[in-house]
């Protein structure tokens, strides 16, 4: 027999392509996502921005600088990652990809 927690998270790579000045840059970090139950999924719906606030709960391997040049951390960093259009799109794509791959056979 195995046990499954009702409140769980998982890690998944987030590949980001963004523009900085005239350059297109790429990077990757590890996103930490919350597994939602069916009631939470229905409440959140398919709205990307609202869903990101619920499912994207952490990040590793990425650093964000604030306007003052200081590194952001904790909730400030998560808010900055969620509010950047290039990064939020990459986070949402990674989340969707993580669920698409769950249904695939591993043979």
N, C-alpha and C. Protein backbone atom coordinates (compact mmCIF):
# COMPACT_ATOMS: atom_id res chain seq x y z
N UNK A 1 0.85 -1.18 0.00
CA UNK A 1 0.00 0.00 0.00
C UNK A 1 0.90 1.24 0.00
N UNK A 2 0.44 2.29 -0.64
CA UNK A 2 1.18 3.54 -0.65
C UNK A 2 0.27 4.66 -0.17
N UNK A 3 0.88 5.72 0.32
CA UNK A 3 0.13 6.87 0.83
C UNK A 3 0.30 8.05 -0.11
N UNK A 4 -0.76 8.80 -0.28
CA UNK A 4 -0.74 10.01 -1.09
C UNK A 4 -1.22 11.17 -0.23
N UNK A 5 -0.45 12.22 -0.19
CA UNK A 5 -0.85 13.42 0.55
C UNK A 5 -1.86 14.20 -0.28
N UNK A 6 -2.83 14.80 0.36
CA UNK A 6 -3.81 15.62 -0.36
C UNK A 6 -3.25 16.99 -0.69
N UNK A 7 -2.27 17.45 0.07
CA UNK A 7 -1.65 18.74 -0.17
C UNK A 7 -0.20 18.49 -0.57
N UNK A 8 0.09 18.59 -1.88
CA UNK A 8 1.45 18.28 -2.33
C UNK A 8 1.91 19.23 -3.42
N UNK A 9 3.23 19.29 -3.56
CA UNK A 9 3.86 20.10 -4.58
C UNK A 9 4.84 19.23 -5.37
N UNK A 10 5.24 19.74 -6.53
CA UNK A 10 6.24 19.04 -7.33
C UNK A 10 7.08 20.07 -8.07
N UNK A 11 8.25 19.64 -8.51
CA UNK A 11 9.16 20.53 -9.24
C UNK A 11 9.14 20.18 -10.72
N UNK A 12 9.30 21.22 -11.55
CA UNK A 12 9.31 21.02 -13.00
C UNK A 12 10.13 22.14 -13.63
N UNK A 13 10.94 21.82 -14.66
CA UNK A 13 11.76 22.86 -15.27
C UNK A 13 10.93 23.90 -16.03
N UNK A 14 11.36 25.15 -15.92
CA UNK A 14 10.72 26.27 -16.62
C UNK A 14 11.78 26.89 -17.54
N UNK A 15 11.57 26.76 -18.85
CA UNK A 15 12.48 27.34 -19.84
C UNK A 15 11.95 28.70 -20.25
N UNK A 16 12.78 29.72 -20.12
CA UNK A 16 12.37 31.10 -20.38
C UNK A 16 13.19 31.70 -21.52
N UNK A 17 12.49 32.35 -22.45
CA UNK A 17 13.13 33.17 -23.46
C UNK A 17 12.63 34.59 -23.24
N UNK A 18 13.55 35.52 -23.09
CA UNK A 18 13.16 36.91 -22.82
C UNK A 18 14.09 37.87 -23.54
N UNK A 19 13.61 39.08 -23.71
CA UNK A 19 14.42 40.11 -24.36
C UNK A 19 14.98 41.06 -23.31
N UNK A 20 16.24 41.38 -23.49
CA UNK A 20 16.89 42.37 -22.64
C UNK A 20 17.65 43.30 -23.56
N UNK A 21 17.12 44.52 -23.73
CA UNK A 21 17.68 45.43 -24.73
C UNK A 21 17.42 44.86 -26.12
N UNK A 22 18.46 44.74 -26.92
CA UNK A 22 18.31 44.18 -28.27
C UNK A 22 18.64 42.70 -28.32
N UNK A 23 18.88 42.11 -27.18
CA UNK A 23 19.27 40.70 -27.14
C UNK A 23 18.11 39.82 -26.70
N UNK A 24 18.06 38.65 -27.32
CA UNK A 24 17.14 37.61 -26.86
C UNK A 24 17.96 36.64 -26.02
N UNK A 25 17.52 36.41 -24.80
CA UNK A 25 18.25 35.54 -23.88
C UNK A 25 17.38 34.37 -23.47
N UNK A 26 18.04 33.32 -23.03
CA UNK A 26 17.32 32.13 -22.58
C UNK A 26 17.88 31.67 -21.24
N UNK A 27 17.05 31.06 -20.47
CA UNK A 27 17.47 30.51 -19.19
C UNK A 27 16.47 29.47 -18.74
N UNK A 28 16.83 28.78 -17.69
CA UNK A 28 15.94 27.76 -17.14
C UNK A 28 16.06 27.77 -15.63
N UNK A 29 14.94 27.60 -14.96
CA UNK A 29 14.93 27.45 -13.51
C UNK A 29 13.92 26.37 -13.15
N UNK A 30 13.91 26.00 -11.89
CA UNK A 30 12.99 24.98 -11.43
C UNK A 30 11.79 25.66 -10.78
N UNK A 31 10.61 25.40 -11.33
CA UNK A 31 9.38 25.91 -10.74
C UNK A 31 8.83 24.90 -9.76
N UNK A 32 8.25 25.38 -8.69
CA UNK A 32 7.59 24.52 -7.72
C UNK A 32 6.10 24.78 -7.84
N UNK A 33 5.36 23.71 -8.15
CA UNK A 33 3.93 23.81 -8.44
C UNK A 33 3.11 23.03 -7.42
N UNK A 34 1.96 23.55 -7.11
CA UNK A 34 1.02 22.89 -6.19
C UNK A 34 0.06 22.04 -7.01
N UNK A 35 -0.17 20.82 -6.56
CA UNK A 35 -1.18 19.97 -7.17
C UNK A 35 -2.54 20.38 -6.61
N UNK A 36 -3.46 20.75 -7.49
CA UNK A 36 -4.79 21.19 -7.07
C UNK A 36 -5.77 20.04 -7.07
N UNK A 37 -6.71 20.06 -6.11
CA UNK A 37 -7.79 19.08 -6.15
C UNK A 37 -8.87 19.58 -7.11
N UNK A 38 -9.86 18.77 -7.37
CA UNK A 38 -10.87 19.11 -8.39
C UNK A 38 -11.64 20.39 -8.05
N UNK A 39 -11.97 20.59 -6.78
CA UNK A 39 -12.69 21.81 -6.39
C UNK A 39 -11.84 23.05 -6.65
N UNK A 40 -10.55 22.95 -6.35
CA UNK A 40 -9.65 24.08 -6.60
C UNK A 40 -9.51 24.34 -8.09
N UNK A 41 -9.41 23.28 -8.88
CA UNK A 41 -9.32 23.44 -10.34
C UNK A 41 -10.56 24.15 -10.89
N UNK A 42 -11.73 23.77 -10.43
CA UNK A 42 -12.96 24.41 -10.89
C UNK A 42 -13.01 25.87 -10.48
N UNK A 43 -12.56 26.17 -9.25
CA UNK A 43 -12.58 27.55 -8.76
C UNK A 43 -11.62 28.43 -9.56
N UNK A 44 -10.44 27.91 -9.84
CA UNK A 44 -9.43 28.67 -10.57
C UNK A 44 -9.81 28.81 -12.04
N UNK A 45 -10.31 27.74 -12.63
CA UNK A 45 -10.68 27.77 -14.04
C UNK A 45 -9.47 27.85 -14.94
N UNK A 46 -9.67 28.34 -16.13
CA UNK A 46 -8.61 28.36 -17.13
C UNK A 46 -7.92 29.72 -17.23
N UNK A 47 -8.19 30.62 -16.31
CA UNK A 47 -7.58 31.94 -16.34
C UNK A 47 -6.13 31.84 -15.92
N UNK A 48 -5.22 32.11 -16.85
CA UNK A 48 -3.79 31.93 -16.61
C UNK A 48 -3.29 32.71 -15.39
N UNK A 49 -3.62 33.99 -15.32
CA UNK A 49 -3.10 34.84 -14.25
C UNK A 49 -3.60 34.36 -12.89
N UNK A 50 -4.87 34.07 -12.79
CA UNK A 50 -5.44 33.62 -11.52
C UNK A 50 -4.85 32.26 -11.14
N UNK A 51 -4.69 31.37 -12.11
CA UNK A 51 -4.15 30.05 -11.84
C UNK A 51 -2.70 30.12 -11.37
N UNK A 52 -1.90 31.00 -11.97
CA UNK A 52 -0.50 31.13 -11.57
C UNK A 52 -0.37 31.50 -10.10
N UNK A 53 -1.27 32.36 -9.62
CA UNK A 53 -1.23 32.76 -8.22
C UNK A 53 -1.45 31.57 -7.29
N UNK A 54 -2.16 30.56 -7.77
CA UNK A 54 -2.48 29.40 -6.94
C UNK A 54 -1.49 28.26 -7.14
N UNK A 55 -1.12 27.97 -8.37
CA UNK A 55 -0.31 26.77 -8.64
C UNK A 55 1.20 27.01 -8.56
N UNK A 56 1.67 28.21 -8.84
CA UNK A 56 3.10 28.49 -8.82
C UNK A 56 3.48 28.98 -7.43
N UNK A 57 4.13 28.11 -6.66
CA UNK A 57 4.38 28.42 -5.25
C UNK A 57 5.85 28.60 -4.88
N UNK A 58 6.75 28.40 -5.85
CA UNK A 58 8.16 28.58 -5.53
C UNK A 58 9.04 28.45 -6.75
N UNK A 59 10.30 28.83 -6.59
CA UNK A 59 11.27 28.75 -7.68
C UNK A 59 12.65 28.54 -7.10
N UNK A 60 13.45 27.76 -7.82
CA UNK A 60 14.84 27.53 -7.44
C UNK A 60 15.70 27.74 -8.68
N UNK A 61 16.90 28.25 -8.46
CA UNK A 61 17.84 28.42 -9.58
C UNK A 61 17.60 29.65 -10.41
N UNK A 62 16.94 30.66 -9.84
CA UNK A 62 16.70 31.91 -10.55
C UNK A 62 16.86 33.05 -9.55
N UNK A 63 17.36 34.17 -10.06
CA UNK A 63 17.50 35.36 -9.23
C UNK A 63 16.86 36.52 -9.96
N UNK A 64 16.08 37.30 -9.26
CA UNK A 64 15.43 38.49 -9.83
C UNK A 64 15.94 39.70 -9.07
N UNK A 65 16.26 40.77 -9.81
CA UNK A 65 16.68 42.02 -9.20
C UNK A 65 15.54 43.00 -9.22
N UNK A 66 15.39 43.73 -8.14
CA UNK A 66 14.39 44.80 -8.07
C UNK A 66 14.91 46.05 -8.75
N UNK A 67 14.10 47.09 -8.74
CA UNK A 67 14.48 48.36 -9.37
C UNK A 67 15.73 48.96 -8.74
N UNK A 68 15.97 48.62 -7.48
CA UNK A 68 17.14 49.15 -6.77
C UNK A 68 18.40 48.31 -6.98
N UNK A 69 18.30 47.24 -7.80
CA UNK A 69 19.44 46.38 -8.07
C UNK A 69 19.66 45.29 -7.03
N UNK A 70 18.83 45.29 -5.99
CA UNK A 70 18.94 44.28 -4.93
C UNK A 70 18.17 43.03 -5.34
N UNK A 71 18.67 41.87 -4.93
CA UNK A 71 18.00 40.59 -5.23
C UNK A 71 16.68 40.50 -4.47
N UNK A 72 15.66 40.05 -5.17
CA UNK A 72 14.37 39.82 -4.54
C UNK A 72 14.35 38.41 -3.96
N UNK A 73 13.53 38.21 -2.95
CA UNK A 73 13.39 36.87 -2.37
C UNK A 73 11.95 36.66 -1.91
N UNK A 74 11.63 35.41 -1.63
CA UNK A 74 10.32 35.07 -1.09
C UNK A 74 9.16 35.51 -1.97
N UNK A 75 8.14 36.05 -1.31
CA UNK A 75 6.93 36.47 -2.03
C UNK A 75 7.20 37.58 -3.04
N UNK A 76 8.17 38.46 -2.74
CA UNK A 76 8.50 39.53 -3.68
C UNK A 76 9.05 38.95 -4.98
N UNK A 77 9.90 37.92 -4.87
CA UNK A 77 10.44 37.30 -6.08
C UNK A 77 9.35 36.57 -6.85
N UNK A 78 8.49 35.84 -6.15
CA UNK A 78 7.41 35.13 -6.83
C UNK A 78 6.48 36.11 -7.54
N UNK A 79 6.17 37.22 -6.90
CA UNK A 79 5.31 38.23 -7.53
C UNK A 79 5.99 38.80 -8.78
N UNK A 80 7.29 39.05 -8.71
CA UNK A 80 8.01 39.57 -9.87
C UNK A 80 8.04 38.56 -11.01
N UNK A 81 8.24 37.28 -10.69
CA UNK A 81 8.24 36.24 -11.72
C UNK A 81 6.86 36.13 -12.37
N UNK A 82 5.81 36.17 -11.55
CA UNK A 82 4.44 36.06 -12.07
C UNK A 82 4.05 37.27 -12.91
N UNK A 83 4.60 38.45 -12.60
CA UNK A 83 4.16 39.66 -13.29
C UNK A 83 4.93 39.95 -14.57
N UNK A 84 6.08 39.31 -14.77
CA UNK A 84 6.84 39.51 -16.00
C UNK A 84 6.17 38.71 -17.12
N UNK A 85 5.79 39.35 -18.23
CA UNK A 85 5.04 38.64 -19.27
C UNK A 85 5.78 37.44 -19.87
N UNK A 86 7.07 37.57 -20.11
CA UNK A 86 7.83 36.45 -20.70
C UNK A 86 7.95 35.29 -19.71
N UNK A 87 8.22 35.63 -18.46
CA UNK A 87 8.42 34.59 -17.46
C UNK A 87 7.09 33.93 -17.09
N UNK A 88 6.04 34.70 -16.92
CA UNK A 88 4.75 34.11 -16.55
C UNK A 88 4.24 33.18 -17.65
N UNK A 89 4.48 33.56 -18.91
CA UNK A 89 4.08 32.69 -20.02
C UNK A 89 4.85 31.38 -19.97
N UNK A 90 6.15 31.45 -19.65
CA UNK A 90 6.97 30.25 -19.55
C UNK A 90 6.54 29.38 -18.37
N UNK A 91 6.18 30.00 -17.26
CA UNK A 91 5.71 29.25 -16.09
C UNK A 91 4.41 28.52 -16.43
N UNK A 92 3.49 29.21 -17.08
CA UNK A 92 2.21 28.61 -17.44
C UNK A 92 2.42 27.45 -18.42
N UNK A 93 3.32 27.63 -19.40
CA UNK A 93 3.61 26.57 -20.36
C UNK A 93 4.21 25.35 -19.67
N UNK A 94 5.09 25.58 -18.70
CA UNK A 94 5.70 24.47 -17.96
C UNK A 94 4.65 23.73 -17.15
N UNK A 95 3.75 24.48 -16.52
CA UNK A 95 2.68 23.84 -15.73
C UNK A 95 1.79 22.97 -16.62
N UNK A 96 1.39 23.51 -17.75
CA UNK A 96 0.55 22.74 -18.67
C UNK A 96 1.31 21.52 -19.19
N UNK A 97 2.58 21.69 -19.52
CA UNK A 97 3.41 20.58 -20.00
C UNK A 97 3.55 19.50 -18.95
N UNK A 98 3.68 19.89 -17.70
CA UNK A 98 3.84 18.91 -16.62
C UNK A 98 2.61 18.02 -16.52
N UNK A 99 1.44 18.58 -16.72
CA UNK A 99 0.22 17.77 -16.67
C UNK A 99 0.02 16.95 -17.93
N UNK A 100 0.42 17.47 -19.07
CA UNK A 100 0.31 16.70 -20.32
C UNK A 100 1.18 15.47 -20.24
N UNK A 101 2.36 15.59 -19.64
CA UNK A 101 3.27 14.45 -19.54
C UNK A 101 2.83 13.44 -18.50
N UNK A 102 2.03 13.85 -17.53
CA UNK A 102 1.55 12.89 -16.52
C UNK A 102 0.70 11.80 -17.15
N UNK A 103 -0.01 12.13 -18.21
CA UNK A 103 -0.90 11.17 -18.85
C UNK A 103 -0.22 10.27 -19.86
N UNK A 104 1.07 10.51 -20.12
CA UNK A 104 1.77 9.72 -21.11
C UNK A 104 2.37 8.46 -20.49
N UNK A 105 2.41 7.42 -21.28
CA UNK A 105 3.02 6.17 -20.85
C UNK A 105 4.52 6.34 -20.73
N UNK A 106 5.12 5.67 -19.75
CA UNK A 106 6.57 5.75 -19.56
C UNK A 106 7.29 4.52 -20.11
N UNK A 107 6.67 3.82 -21.05
CA UNK A 107 7.30 2.63 -21.62
C UNK A 107 8.25 2.97 -22.72
